[in-house]
Amino acid sequence: MKRIEMGFTLIELLIVIAIILVIAAIAIPNLLHSRIAANQASAVSSLRTLTTAEVTYATTYNSGYSEQLSYLGPPSPASTQPNATAAGLVDSLLAGSGDTSEKSGYLITYSPGTVSGGKIVGFVIHADPITRGITGYNSYYVDESGVIRENTSGTQATSADSPLGG
């Protein structure tokens, strides 16, 4: 009688596990770099959205730009009508609380400009990685001009940095 053996030997299983580990070692760093690239793209998109929302706010309420980033957020459930402190121009995640919000690994910080003639005439928004090197590498800056600037040296971006893509 012939004895039929089924299954894998220990050596065969160890070889398969070793192959899987080698593939994982190659793929994981690429996955992390892809996540950082996605976070940075999201930060730039968030700055574009906030700049457009600020222009819309200034036009709608005729009071200049908003005093706080959270003023661009949705109205409370009790009040369905947008107003100057809850304009409904961006979602609650992007509007954040007060002058800061966090989205896709980036901390977004808003600073209103000076008041002239009873209106806020400018603003500055920074987007910086929450954990530099893990959630993102670059810092971004935008003001009322709408030009997004980027700093790749590891410090907060300013108006003196190069425009994005330039």
N, C-alpha and C. Protein backbone atom coordinates (compact mmCIF):
# COMPACT_ATOMS: atom_id res chain seq x y z
N MET A 1 0.80 -1.18 0.00
CA MET A 1 0.00 0.00 0.00
C MET A 1 0.85 1.25 0.00
N LYS A 2 0.35 2.18 -0.80
CA LYS A 2 1.03 3.47 -0.84
C LYS A 2 0.41 4.40 0.19
N ARG A 3 1.28 5.10 0.80
CA ARG A 3 0.81 6.07 1.78
C ARG A 3 0.80 7.45 1.11
N ILE A 4 -0.33 8.12 1.10
CA ILE A 4 -0.46 9.43 0.47
C ILE A 4 -0.38 10.50 1.56
N GLU A 5 0.60 11.35 1.39
CA GLU A 5 0.76 12.43 2.35
C GLU A 5 0.26 13.73 1.74
N MET A 6 -0.48 14.46 2.51
CA MET A 6 -1.00 15.74 2.05
C MET A 6 -0.52 16.83 3.00
N GLY A 7 -0.40 18.03 2.45
CA GLY A 7 0.02 19.15 3.27
C GLY A 7 1.40 19.64 2.88
N PHE A 8 1.88 20.60 3.66
CA PHE A 8 3.17 21.21 3.38
C PHE A 8 4.16 20.84 4.48
N THR A 9 5.40 20.82 4.11
CA THR A 9 6.43 20.59 5.11
C THR A 9 6.75 21.90 5.81
N LEU A 10 7.42 21.81 6.90
CA LEU A 10 7.80 23.00 7.67
C LEU A 10 8.70 23.92 6.84
N ILE A 11 9.61 23.37 6.09
CA ILE A 11 10.51 24.15 5.24
C ILE A 11 9.72 24.92 4.19
N GLU A 12 8.75 24.29 3.56
CA GLU A 12 7.94 24.97 2.54
C GLU A 12 7.17 26.14 3.16
N LEU A 13 6.62 25.95 4.35
CA LEU A 13 5.89 27.03 5.01
C LEU A 13 6.82 28.19 5.38
N LEU A 14 8.02 27.87 5.85
CA LEU A 14 8.98 28.93 6.20
C LEU A 14 9.42 29.72 4.97
N ILE A 15 9.57 29.05 3.85
CA ILE A 15 9.95 29.75 2.61
C ILE A 15 8.83 30.70 2.18
N VAL A 16 7.58 30.27 2.27
CA VAL A 16 6.46 31.14 1.91
C VAL A 16 6.40 32.35 2.84
N ILE A 17 6.60 32.13 4.13
CA ILE A 17 6.58 33.25 5.08
C ILE A 17 7.72 34.21 4.79
N ALA A 18 8.89 33.70 4.47
CA ALA A 18 10.03 34.57 4.14
C ALA A 18 9.75 35.42 2.91
N ILE A 19 9.14 34.83 1.91
CA ILE A 19 8.78 35.58 0.69
C ILE A 19 7.78 36.70 1.02
N ILE A 20 6.79 36.39 1.84
CA ILE A 20 5.79 37.39 2.23
C ILE A 20 6.46 38.54 3.00
N LEU A 21 7.40 38.23 3.88
CA LEU A 21 8.10 39.28 4.64
C LEU A 21 8.95 40.16 3.74
N VAL A 22 9.59 39.57 2.74
CA VAL A 22 10.40 40.37 1.81
C VAL A 22 9.50 41.32 1.02
N ILE A 23 8.37 40.83 0.56
CA ILE A 23 7.43 41.68 -0.19
C ILE A 23 6.91 42.80 0.71
N ALA A 24 6.59 42.49 1.96
CA ALA A 24 6.11 43.52 2.90
C ALA A 24 7.18 44.57 3.16
N ALA A 25 8.44 44.12 3.29
CA ALA A 25 9.53 45.07 3.55
C ALA A 25 9.72 46.04 2.39
N ILE A 26 9.40 45.60 1.20
CA ILE A 26 9.50 46.47 0.02
C ILE A 26 8.29 47.39 -0.07
N ALA A 27 7.10 46.89 0.24
CA ALA A 27 5.86 47.63 0.03
C ALA A 27 5.56 48.67 1.11
N ILE A 28 5.89 48.40 2.36
CA ILE A 28 5.50 49.30 3.45
C ILE A 28 6.11 50.69 3.33
N PRO A 29 7.40 50.87 3.03
CA PRO A 29 7.91 52.24 2.87
C PRO A 29 7.22 53.00 1.73
N ASN A 30 6.91 52.30 0.65
CA ASN A 30 6.19 52.96 -0.45
C ASN A 30 4.80 53.38 -0.01
N LEU A 31 4.16 52.57 0.81
CA LEU A 31 2.83 52.92 1.32
C LEU A 31 2.91 54.16 2.20
N LEU A 32 3.93 54.24 3.05
CA LEU A 32 4.08 55.41 3.92
C LEU A 32 4.34 56.69 3.12
N HIS A 33 5.16 56.59 2.07
CA HIS A 33 5.42 57.76 1.22
C HIS A 33 4.15 58.18 0.48
N SER A 34 3.36 57.21 0.08
CA SER A 34 2.09 57.53 -0.59
C SER A 34 1.14 58.24 0.35
N ARG A 35 1.11 57.81 1.60
CA ARG A 35 0.23 58.46 2.59
C ARG A 35 0.67 59.90 2.83
N ILE A 36 1.98 60.14 2.93
CA ILE A 36 2.49 61.50 3.13
C ILE A 36 2.13 62.37 1.93
N ALA A 37 2.30 61.84 0.72
CA ALA A 37 1.94 62.61 -0.49
C ALA A 37 0.46 62.95 -0.50
N ALA A 38 -0.38 62.01 -0.07
CA ALA A 38 -1.82 62.26 -0.01
C ALA A 38 -2.15 63.32 1.04
N ASN A 39 -1.49 63.26 2.20
CA ASN A 39 -1.70 64.27 3.25
C ASN A 39 -1.32 65.66 2.75
N GLN A 40 -0.19 65.76 2.05
CA GLN A 40 0.25 67.06 1.54
C GLN A 40 -0.71 67.59 0.49
N ALA A 41 -1.20 66.73 -0.39
CA ALA A 41 -2.17 67.16 -1.39
C ALA A 41 -3.47 67.62 -0.71
N SER A 42 -3.86 66.94 0.34
CA SER A 42 -5.06 67.33 1.08
C SER A 42 -4.87 68.69 1.75
N ALA A 43 -3.67 68.95 2.28
CA ALA A 43 -3.40 70.24 2.91
C ALA A 43 -3.51 71.38 1.91
N VAL A 44 -2.95 71.18 0.72
CA VAL A 44 -3.03 72.21 -0.33
C VAL A 44 -4.49 72.43 -0.74
N SER A 45 -5.22 71.34 -0.90
CA SER A 45 -6.64 71.45 -1.27
C SER A 45 -7.43 72.17 -0.19
N SER A 46 -7.12 71.88 1.07
CA SER A 46 -7.80 72.56 2.18
C SER A 46 -7.53 74.05 2.16
N LEU A 47 -6.30 74.45 1.86
CA LEU A 47 -5.98 75.88 1.78
C LEU A 47 -6.74 76.55 0.64
N ARG A 48 -6.86 75.87 -0.49
CA ARG A 48 -7.64 76.43 -1.61
C ARG A 48 -9.10 76.60 -1.21
N THR A 49 -9.65 75.59 -0.56
CA THR A 49 -11.04 75.65 -0.12
C THR A 49 -11.26 76.78 0.87
N LEU A 50 -10.35 76.91 1.83
CA LEU A 50 -10.49 77.97 2.84
C LEU A 50 -10.34 79.36 2.23
N THR A 51 -9.46 79.51 1.25
CA THR A 51 -9.29 80.80 0.59
C THR A 51 -10.58 81.19 -0.14
N THR A 52 -11.15 80.24 -0.86
CA THR A 52 -12.42 80.50 -1.56
C THR A 52 -13.52 80.82 -0.55
N ALA A 53 -13.55 80.09 0.56
CA ALA A 53 -14.57 80.34 1.59
C ALA A 53 -14.41 81.73 2.20
N GLU A 54 -13.18 82.17 2.40
CA GLU A 54 -12.94 83.51 2.95
C GLU A 54 -13.44 84.60 1.99
N VAL A 55 -13.18 84.43 0.71
CA VAL A 55 -13.65 85.41 -0.28
C VAL A 55 -15.18 85.44 -0.29
N THR A 56 -15.78 84.26 -0.26
CA THR A 56 -17.25 84.17 -0.23
C THR A 56 -17.80 84.82 1.04
N TYR A 57 -17.16 84.57 2.17
CA TYR A 57 -17.57 85.16 3.45
C TYR A 57 -17.52 86.69 3.37
N ALA A 58 -16.40 87.21 2.87
CA ALA A 58 -16.24 88.67 2.79
C ALA A 58 -17.30 89.29 1.88
N THR A 59 -17.62 88.61 0.81
CA THR A 59 -18.62 89.13 -0.12
C THR A 59 -20.04 89.03 0.45
N THR A 60 -20.33 87.92 1.11
CA THR A 60 -21.68 87.68 1.63
C THR A 60 -22.02 88.59 2.80
N TYR A 61 -21.11 88.71 3.75
CA TYR A 61 -21.42 89.43 4.98
C TYR A 61 -20.90 90.86 5.00
N ASN A 62 -20.19 91.29 3.99
CA ASN A 62 -19.71 92.66 3.85
C ASN A 62 -19.02 93.17 5.11
N SER A 63 -18.28 92.25 5.77
CA SER A 63 -17.58 92.63 6.99
C SER A 63 -16.10 92.32 6.88
N GLY A 64 -15.63 92.11 5.67
CA GLY A 64 -14.25 91.69 5.50
C GLY A 64 -14.15 90.20 5.71
N TYR A 65 -12.95 89.74 5.97
CA TYR A 65 -12.73 88.31 6.19
C TYR A 65 -13.19 87.92 7.59
N SER A 66 -13.27 86.63 7.86
CA SER A 66 -13.80 86.15 9.14
C SER A 66 -12.82 86.42 10.28
N GLU A 67 -13.38 86.54 11.49
CA GLU A 67 -12.56 86.76 12.68
C GLU A 67 -11.89 85.46 13.14
N GLN A 68 -12.58 84.34 12.90
CA GLN A 68 -12.06 83.03 13.30
C GLN A 68 -12.30 82.03 12.18
N LEU A 69 -11.48 81.00 12.14
CA LEU A 69 -11.66 79.94 11.17
C LEU A 69 -12.99 79.23 11.38
N SER A 70 -13.40 79.06 12.61
CA SER A 70 -14.64 78.35 12.92
C SER A 70 -15.88 79.08 12.40
N TYR A 71 -15.77 80.39 12.13
CA TYR A 71 -16.91 81.15 11.59
C TYR A 71 -17.32 80.64 10.20
N LEU A 72 -16.41 79.96 9.52
CA LEU A 72 -16.72 79.44 8.18
C LEU A 72 -17.50 78.14 8.24
N GLY A 73 -17.60 77.53 9.41
CA GLY A 73 -18.24 76.23 9.59
C GLY A 73 -19.75 76.28 9.52
N PRO A 74 -20.37 75.11 9.62
CA PRO A 74 -21.83 75.02 9.50
C PRO A 74 -22.54 75.60 10.73
N PRO A 75 -23.79 76.04 10.53
CA PRO A 75 -24.57 76.51 11.68
C PRO A 75 -24.93 75.35 12.61
N SER A 76 -25.26 75.67 13.83
CA SER A 76 -25.63 74.62 14.80
C SER A 76 -26.96 73.99 14.38
N PRO A 77 -27.22 72.78 14.84
CA PRO A 77 -28.49 72.12 14.48
C PRO A 77 -29.72 72.92 14.91
N ALA A 78 -29.60 73.71 15.97
CA ALA A 78 -30.73 74.51 16.43
C ALA A 78 -31.01 75.68 15.48
N SER A 79 -29.97 76.17 14.81
CA SER A 79 -30.13 77.29 13.89
C SER A 79 -29.71 76.83 12.49
N THR A 80 -30.67 76.63 11.64
CA THR A 80 -30.36 76.11 10.30
C THR A 80 -29.94 77.20 9.33
N GLN A 81 -30.11 78.46 9.70
CA GLN A 81 -29.75 79.55 8.81
C GLN A 81 -28.29 79.95 9.02
N PRO A 82 -27.51 80.04 7.95
CA PRO A 82 -26.14 80.53 8.07
C PRO A 82 -26.12 81.99 8.55
N ASN A 83 -25.08 82.33 9.28
CA ASN A 83 -24.92 83.70 9.74
C ASN A 83 -23.42 84.01 9.81
N ALA A 84 -23.07 85.18 10.27
CA ALA A 84 -21.67 85.62 10.25
C ALA A 84 -20.76 84.82 11.17
N THR A 85 -21.30 84.09 12.15
CA THR A 85 -20.47 83.27 13.03
C THR A 85 -20.59 81.78 12.72
N ALA A 86 -21.42 81.43 11.76
CA ALA A 86 -21.57 80.04 11.30
C ALA A 86 -22.06 80.10 9.86
N ALA A 87 -21.15 80.42 8.96
CA ALA A 87 -21.51 80.73 7.57
C ALA A 87 -21.87 79.51 6.73
N GLY A 88 -21.48 78.33 7.16
CA GLY A 88 -21.81 77.13 6.40
C GLY A 88 -21.03 77.01 5.09
N LEU A 89 -19.84 77.54 5.04
CA LEU A 89 -19.05 77.52 3.80
C LEU A 89 -18.10 76.33 3.72
N VAL A 90 -17.73 75.75 4.87
CA VAL A 90 -16.88 74.56 4.89
C VAL A 90 -17.45 73.59 5.94
N ASP A 91 -17.02 72.35 5.90
CA ASP A 91 -17.51 71.38 6.87
C ASP A 91 -16.90 71.62 8.25
N SER A 92 -17.46 70.98 9.25
CA SER A 92 -17.02 71.21 10.63
C SER A 92 -15.59 70.73 10.88
N LEU A 93 -15.12 69.72 10.16
CA LEU A 93 -13.75 69.25 10.33
C LEU A 93 -12.75 70.31 9.89
N LEU A 94 -13.00 70.91 8.73
CA LEU A 94 -12.10 71.94 8.22
C LEU A 94 -12.23 73.25 9.00
N ALA A 95 -13.43 73.57 9.46
CA ALA A 95 -13.63 74.79 10.24
C ALA A 95 -12.97 74.70 11.61
N GLY A 96 -12.90 73.51 12.15
CA GLY A 96 -12.22 73.29 13.42
C GLY A 96 -12.88 74.02 14.57
N SER A 97 -12.05 74.44 15.51
CA SER A 97 -12.51 75.14 16.69
C SER A 97 -11.65 76.39 16.87
N GLY A 98 -12.28 77.53 16.94
CA GLY A 98 -11.53 78.78 17.06
C GLY A 98 -10.74 79.06 15.80
N ASP A 99 -9.42 79.11 15.93
CA ASP A 99 -8.57 79.43 14.79
C ASP A 99 -7.71 78.26 14.32
N THR A 100 -8.02 77.04 14.77
CA THR A 100 -7.24 75.88 14.34
C THR A 100 -8.14 74.72 13.96
N SER A 101 -7.62 73.89 13.08
CA SER A 101 -8.28 72.62 12.76
C SER A 101 -7.21 71.62 12.37
N GLU A 102 -7.57 70.36 12.41
CA GLU A 102 -6.66 69.29 12.00
C GLU A 102 -7.35 68.48 10.92
N LYS A 103 -6.60 68.23 9.84
CA LYS A 103 -7.14 67.42 8.77
C LYS A 103 -6.01 66.69 8.06
N SER A 104 -6.16 65.41 7.90
CA SER A 104 -5.22 64.56 7.16
C SER A 104 -3.77 64.77 7.60
N GLY A 105 -3.55 64.77 8.89
CA GLY A 105 -2.19 64.86 9.40
C GLY A 105 -1.59 66.25 9.41
N TYR A 106 -2.39 67.26 9.12
CA TYR A 106 -1.90 68.64 9.11
C TYR A 106 -2.68 69.49 10.10
N LEU A 107 -1.97 70.40 10.76
CA LEU A 107 -2.58 71.39 11.64
C LEU A 107 -2.75 72.67 10.84
N ILE A 108 -3.97 73.14 10.74
CA ILE A 108 -4.28 74.35 9.99
C ILE A 108 -4.54 75.47 10.99
N THR A 109 -3.80 76.57 10.84
CA THR A 109 -3.89 77.70 11.76
C THR A 109 -4.27 78.96 11.00
N TYR A 110 -5.28 79.65 11.50
CA TYR A 110 -5.81 80.86 10.85
C TYR A 110 -5.46 82.09 11.68
N SER A 111 -5.05 83.17 11.00
CA SER A 111 -4.80 84.46 11.67
C SER A 111 -5.50 85.55 10.86
N PRO A 112 -6.48 86.23 11.47
CA PRO A 112 -7.12 87.33 10.75
C PRO A 112 -6.17 88.50 10.61
N GLY A 113 -6.38 89.31 9.59
CA GLY A 113 -5.54 90.48 9.36
C GLY A 113 -5.99 91.66 10.19
N THR A 114 -5.53 92.83 9.80
CA THR A 114 -5.86 94.05 10.53
C THR A 114 -7.26 94.53 10.18
N VAL A 115 -7.81 95.36 11.04
CA VAL A 115 -9.13 95.93 10.83
C VAL A 115 -8.96 97.33 10.27
N SER A 116 -9.65 97.58 9.17
CA SER A 116 -9.62 98.90 8.56
C SER A 116 -11.04 99.25 8.12
N GLY A 117 -11.54 100.36 8.59
CA GLY A 117 -12.90 100.77 8.25
C GLY A 117 -13.95 99.80 8.75
N GLY A 118 -13.67 99.13 9.87
CA GLY A 118 -14.62 98.19 10.45
C GLY A 118 -14.60 96.82 9.78
N LYS A 119 -13.67 96.58 8.86
CA LYS A 119 -13.60 95.30 8.17
C LYS A 119 -12.21 94.69 8.33
N ILE A 120 -12.18 93.37 8.41
CA ILE A 120 -10.90 92.67 8.45
C ILE A 120 -10.40 92.58 7.01
N VAL A 121 -9.24 93.16 6.75
CA VAL A 121 -8.78 93.32 5.37
C VAL A 121 -7.76 92.27 4.91
N GLY A 122 -7.48 91.29 5.72
CA GLY A 122 -6.54 90.26 5.30
C GLY A 122 -6.62 89.05 6.19
N PHE A 123 -5.90 88.01 5.81
CA PHE A 123 -5.81 86.80 6.63
C PHE A 123 -4.56 86.03 6.22
N VAL A 124 -4.14 85.15 7.09
CA VAL A 124 -3.03 84.24 6.83
C VAL A 124 -3.45 82.86 7.34
N ILE A 125 -3.22 81.84 6.53
CA ILE A 125 -3.50 80.47 6.95
C ILE A 125 -2.24 79.64 6.74
N HIS A 126 -1.84 78.93 7.80
CA HIS A 126 -0.70 78.02 7.73
C HIS A 126 -1.21 76.58 7.80
N ALA A 127 -0.56 75.69 7.10
CA ALA A 127 -0.81 74.25 7.22
C ALA A 127 0.54 73.58 7.47
N ASP A 128 0.69 73.01 8.64
CA ASP A 128 1.95 72.38 9.04
C ASP A 128 1.70 70.93 9.45
N PRO A 129 2.64 70.03 9.11
CA PRO A 129 2.45 68.62 9.50
C PRO A 129 2.36 68.49 11.02
N ILE A 130 1.47 67.65 11.48
CA ILE A 130 1.35 67.42 12.92
C ILE A 130 2.63 66.76 13.43
N THR A 131 3.12 65.76 12.71
CA THR A 131 4.38 65.11 13.04
C THR A 131 5.24 65.11 11.79
N ARG A 132 6.15 66.07 11.71
CA ARG A 132 6.98 66.23 10.50
C ARG A 132 7.75 64.94 10.22
N GLY A 133 7.69 64.51 8.96
CA GLY A 133 8.36 63.29 8.55
C GLY A 133 7.48 62.06 8.61
N ILE A 134 6.38 62.15 9.35
CA ILE A 134 5.45 61.02 9.45
C ILE A 134 4.12 61.35 8.78
N THR A 135 3.56 62.54 9.09
CA THR A 135 2.29 62.92 8.45
C THR A 135 2.51 63.85 7.27
N GLY A 136 3.71 64.39 7.11
CA GLY A 136 4.02 65.26 5.99
C GLY A 136 5.40 65.85 6.15
N TYR A 137 5.94 66.37 5.05
CA TYR A 137 7.26 67.00 5.07
C TYR A 137 7.17 68.52 4.94
N ASN A 138 6.29 68.99 4.07
CA ASN A 138 6.24 70.41 3.70
C ASN A 138 5.23 71.19 4.53
N SER A 139 5.53 72.48 4.72
CA SER A 139 4.59 73.42 5.35
C SER A 139 4.06 74.34 4.25
N TYR A 140 2.83 74.80 4.44
CA TYR A 140 2.17 75.64 3.42
C TYR A 140 1.64 76.91 4.06
N TYR A 141 1.48 77.93 3.21
CA TYR A 141 1.05 79.26 3.65
C TYR A 141 0.18 79.85 2.55
N VAL A 142 -0.88 80.52 2.94
CA VAL A 142 -1.68 81.28 1.97
C VAL A 142 -2.21 82.52 2.69
N ASP A 143 -2.35 83.60 1.94
CA ASP A 143 -2.95 84.81 2.48
C ASP A 143 -4.06 85.26 1.53
N GLU A 144 -4.55 86.47 1.73
CA GLU A 144 -5.67 86.95 0.93
C GLU A 144 -5.36 87.04 -0.56
N SER A 145 -4.09 87.00 -0.94
CA SER A 145 -3.73 87.01 -2.37
C SER A 145 -4.13 85.71 -3.07
N GLY A 146 -4.28 84.62 -2.28
CA GLY A 146 -4.64 83.33 -2.84
C GLY A 146 -3.47 82.52 -3.34
N VAL A 147 -2.24 83.05 -3.22
CA VAL A 147 -1.05 82.33 -3.67
C VAL A 147 -0.60 81.40 -2.55
N ILE A 148 -0.59 80.10 -2.82
CA ILE A 148 -0.15 79.12 -1.83
C ILE A 148 1.37 78.98 -1.93
N ARG A 149 2.03 79.11 -0.81
CA ARG A 149 3.49 79.02 -0.77
C ARG A 149 3.89 77.80 0.05
N GLU A 150 5.05 77.24 -0.29
CA GLU A 150 5.49 76.01 0.38
C GLU A 150 6.90 76.15 0.89
N ASN A 151 7.14 75.54 2.04
CA ASN A 151 8.48 75.50 2.62
C ASN A 151 8.85 74.04 2.81
N THR A 152 9.95 73.63 2.20
CA THR A 152 10.39 72.24 2.27
C THR A 152 11.55 72.04 3.24
N SER A 153 11.97 73.11 3.93
CA SER A 153 13.15 73.02 4.79
C SER A 153 12.83 72.60 6.22
N GLY A 154 11.58 72.39 6.55
CA GLY A 154 11.23 71.94 7.89
C GLY A 154 10.81 73.04 8.83
N THR A 155 10.60 74.25 8.32
CA THR A 155 10.10 75.34 9.16
C THR A 155 8.75 75.79 8.61
N GLN A 156 8.06 76.62 9.37
CA GLN A 156 6.76 77.11 8.94
C GLN A 156 6.91 78.00 7.71
N ALA A 157 6.03 77.83 6.75
CA ALA A 157 6.07 78.62 5.52
C ALA A 157 5.65 80.06 5.81
N THR A 158 6.19 80.98 5.02
CA THR A 158 5.87 82.40 5.16
C THR A 158 5.64 83.00 3.77
N SER A 159 5.35 84.28 3.75
CA SER A 159 5.12 84.98 2.47
C SER A 159 6.41 85.08 1.65
N ALA A 160 7.55 84.83 2.26
CA ALA A 160 8.82 84.91 1.54
C ALA A 160 9.17 83.60 0.81
N ASP A 161 8.44 82.52 1.10
CA ASP A 161 8.72 81.24 0.45
C ASP A 161 8.20 81.21 -0.98
N SER A 162 8.70 80.24 -1.72
CA SER A 162 8.33 80.11 -3.14
C SER A 162 6.88 79.68 -3.29
N PRO A 163 6.21 80.20 -4.32
CA PRO A 163 4.85 79.74 -4.60
C PRO A 163 4.86 78.24 -4.93
N LEU A 164 3.78 77.59 -4.63
CA LEU A 164 3.65 76.16 -4.91
C LEU A 164 3.81 75.92 -6.40
N GLY A 165 4.69 75.01 -6.73
CA GLY A 165 4.92 74.67 -8.14
C GLY A 165 5.78 75.69 -8.87
N GLY A 166 6.33 76.67 -8.16
CA GLY A 166 7.09 77.71 -8.84
C GLY A 166 8.52 77.79 -8.45
